[in-house]
Amino acid sequence: MASSHTTSRAKTLGKPRVIDLFCGAGGFTAGFVQEGFAPILALDIDPWAIKTYIANFGPHALCTPIESVKRFPEAEVIIGGP
């Protein structure tokens, strides 16, 4: 995964990192951020959902199918929406 698509380790120092699969607009991410987690990658195939996610949480979200991701960054938690 290219570093431009993820939050650098320096920005997440001291916070557990979370990856959100099938993220939608970021409802699960919002809850994890409120609890002190740092989102580092989010994926969804809906371009409108990704635009909303990026507006709320930053540019670490990708509008792409999960099958196209060759490598995932290290994270303490992986979550996924329905």
C-alpha atoms as a PDB file:
ATOM      1  CA  MET A   1       0.000   0.000   0.000  1.00  0.00           C
ATOM      2  CA  ALA A   2       1.451   3.340  -0.968  1.00  0.00           C
ATOM      3  CA  SER A   3       2.254   5.595   1.950  1.00  0.00           C
ATOM      4  CA  SER A   4       0.290   8.486   0.389  1.00  0.00           C
ATOM      5  CA  HIS A   5      -2.929   6.521   1.041  1.00  0.00           C
ATOM      6  CA  THR A   6      -2.282   5.866   4.703  1.00  0.00           C
ATOM      7  CA  THR A   7      -1.704   7.945   7.778  1.00  0.00           C
ATOM      8  CA  SER A   8       1.966   7.960   8.700  1.00  0.00           C
ATOM      9  CA  ARG A   9       3.035   6.095  11.819  1.00  0.00           C
ATOM     10  CA  ALA A  10       4.220   9.408  13.291  1.00  0.00           C
ATOM     11  CA  LYS A  11       0.669  10.802  13.217  1.00  0.00           C
ATOM     12  CA  THR A  12      -0.740   7.721  14.961  1.00  0.00           C
ATOM     13  CA  LEU A  13       1.982   7.347  17.583  1.00  0.00           C
ATOM     14  CA  GLY A  14       0.354   6.380  20.826  1.00  0.00           C
ATOM     15  CA  LYS A  15      -2.989   5.572  19.202  1.00  0.00           C
ATOM     16  CA  PRO A  16      -4.137   2.139  18.033  1.00  0.00           C
ATOM     17  CA  ARG A  17      -4.538   2.045  14.252  1.00  0.00           C
ATOM     18  CA  VAL A  18      -7.756   0.911  12.593  1.00  0.00           C
ATOM     19  CA  ILE A  19      -8.594  -0.176   9.035  1.00  0.00           C
ATOM     20  CA  ASP A  20     -12.246   0.122   7.933  1.00  0.00           C
ATOM     21  CA  LEU A  21     -13.363  -2.252   5.177  1.00  0.00           C
ATOM     22  CA  PHE A  22     -16.665  -1.554   3.385  1.00  0.00           C
ATOM     23  CA  CYS A  23     -16.527   1.786   5.216  1.00  0.00           C
ATOM     24  CA  GLY A  24     -19.447   3.611   3.652  1.00  0.00           C
ATOM     25  CA  ALA A  25     -19.527   7.203   4.911  1.00  0.00           C
ATOM     26  CA  GLY A  26     -17.588   6.240   8.047  1.00  0.00           C
ATOM     27  CA  GLY A  27     -20.057   5.478  10.826  1.00  0.00           C
ATOM     28  CA  PHE A  28     -17.886   2.755  12.369  1.00  0.00           C
ATOM     29  CA  THR A  29     -14.777   4.900  11.966  1.00  0.00           C
ATOM     30  CA  ALA A  30     -16.507   7.762  13.803  1.00  0.00           C
ATOM     31  CA  GLY A  31     -17.060   5.563  16.837  1.00  0.00           C
ATOM     32  CA  PHE A  32     -13.482   4.299  16.837  1.00  0.00           C
ATOM     33  CA  VAL A  33     -12.085   7.835  16.461  1.00  0.00           C
ATOM     34  CA  GLN A  34     -14.191   8.943  19.443  1.00  0.00           C
ATOM     35  CA  GLU A  35     -12.552   6.148  21.447  1.00  0.00           C
ATOM     36  CA  GLY A  36      -9.030   7.258  20.515  1.00  0.00           C
ATOM     37  CA  PHE A  37      -8.220   5.132  17.462  1.00  0.00           C
ATOM     38  CA  ALA A  38      -6.432   6.481  14.387  1.00  0.00           C
ATOM     39  CA  PRO A  39      -7.929   5.426  11.033  1.00  0.00           C
ATOM     40  CA  ILE A  40      -5.200   4.607   8.522  1.00  0.00           C
ATOM     41  CA  LEU A  41      -7.098   2.989   5.631  1.00  0.00           C
ATOM     42  CA  ALA A  42     -10.716   2.763   4.536  1.00  0.00           C
ATOM     43  CA  LEU A  43     -12.185   0.992   1.499  1.00  0.00           C
ATOM     44  CA  ASP A  44     -15.530   1.122  -0.267  1.00  0.00           C
ATOM     45  CA  ILE A  45     -16.742   0.876  -3.859  1.00  0.00           C
ATOM     46  CA  ASP A  46     -19.295   3.696  -3.586  1.00  0.00           C
ATOM     47  CA  PRO A  47     -17.688   6.947  -4.793  1.00  0.00           C
ATOM     48  CA  TRP A  48     -20.229   9.165  -2.959  1.00  0.00           C
ATOM     49  CA  ALA A  49     -19.610   7.343   0.310  1.00  0.00           C
ATOM     50  CA  ILE A  50     -15.845   7.722  -0.134  1.00  0.00           C
ATOM     51  CA  LYS A  51     -16.194  11.466  -0.823  1.00  0.00           C
ATOM     52  CA  THR A  52     -18.154  11.837   2.411  1.00  0.00           C
ATOM     53  CA  TYR A  53     -15.665   9.679   4.328  1.00  0.00           C
ATOM     54  CA  ILE A  54     -12.721  11.752   3.086  1.00  0.00           C
ATOM     55  CA  ALA A  55     -14.480  14.999   4.029  1.00  0.00           C
ATOM     56  CA  ASN A  56     -14.950  13.681   7.575  1.00  0.00           C
ATOM     57  CA  PHE A  57     -11.757  11.700   8.219  1.00  0.00           C
ATOM     58  CA  GLY A  58      -9.097  12.567   5.634  1.00  0.00           C
ATOM     59  CA  PRO A  59      -7.543  11.210   2.450  1.00  0.00           C
ATOM     60  CA  HIS A  60      -6.698   7.678   3.604  1.00  0.00           C
ATOM     61  CA  ALA A  61      -9.883   6.258   1.993  1.00  0.00           C
ATOM     62  CA  LEU A  62      -9.854   4.462  -1.346  1.00  0.00           C
ATOM     63  CA  CYS A  63     -12.718   3.882  -3.747  1.00  0.00           C
ATOM     64  CA  THR A  64     -11.729   0.402  -4.828  1.00  0.00           C
ATOM     65  CA  PRO A  65     -12.827  -3.205  -4.426  1.00  0.00           C
ATOM     66  CA  ILE A  66     -11.099  -5.023  -1.588  1.00  0.00           C
ATOM     67  CA  GLU A  67      -9.793  -7.616  -4.060  1.00  0.00           C
ATOM     68  CA  SER A  68      -7.624  -4.978  -5.726  1.00  0.00           C
ATOM     69  CA  VAL A  69      -5.637  -4.213  -2.567  1.00  0.00           C
ATOM     70  CA  LYS A  70      -2.338  -6.081  -2.787  1.00  0.00           C
ATOM     71  CA  ARG A  71      -1.048  -5.235   0.677  1.00  0.00           C
ATOM     72  CA  PHE A  72      -2.602  -3.769   3.782  1.00  0.00           C
ATOM     73  CA  PRO A  73      -0.763  -1.553   6.282  1.00  0.00           C
ATOM     74  CA  GLU A  74      -0.208  -2.791   9.816  1.00  0.00           C
ATOM     75  CA  ALA A  75      -3.085  -2.053  12.187  1.00  0.00           C
ATOM     76  CA  GLU A  76      -4.231  -3.168  15.601  1.00  0.00           C
ATOM     77  CA  VAL A  77      -7.893  -3.409  14.541  1.00  0.00           C
ATOM     78  CA  ILE A  78      -9.742  -4.225  11.315  1.00  0.00           C
ATOM     79  CA  ILE A  79     -13.455  -3.412  11.148  1.00  0.00           C
ATOM     80  CA  GLY A  80     -16.005  -3.901   8.400  1.00  0.00           C
ATOM     81  CA  GLY A  81     -19.530  -2.722   7.770  1.00  0.00           C
ATOM     82  CA  PRO A  82     -22.448  -4.855   6.663  1.00  0.00           C
END
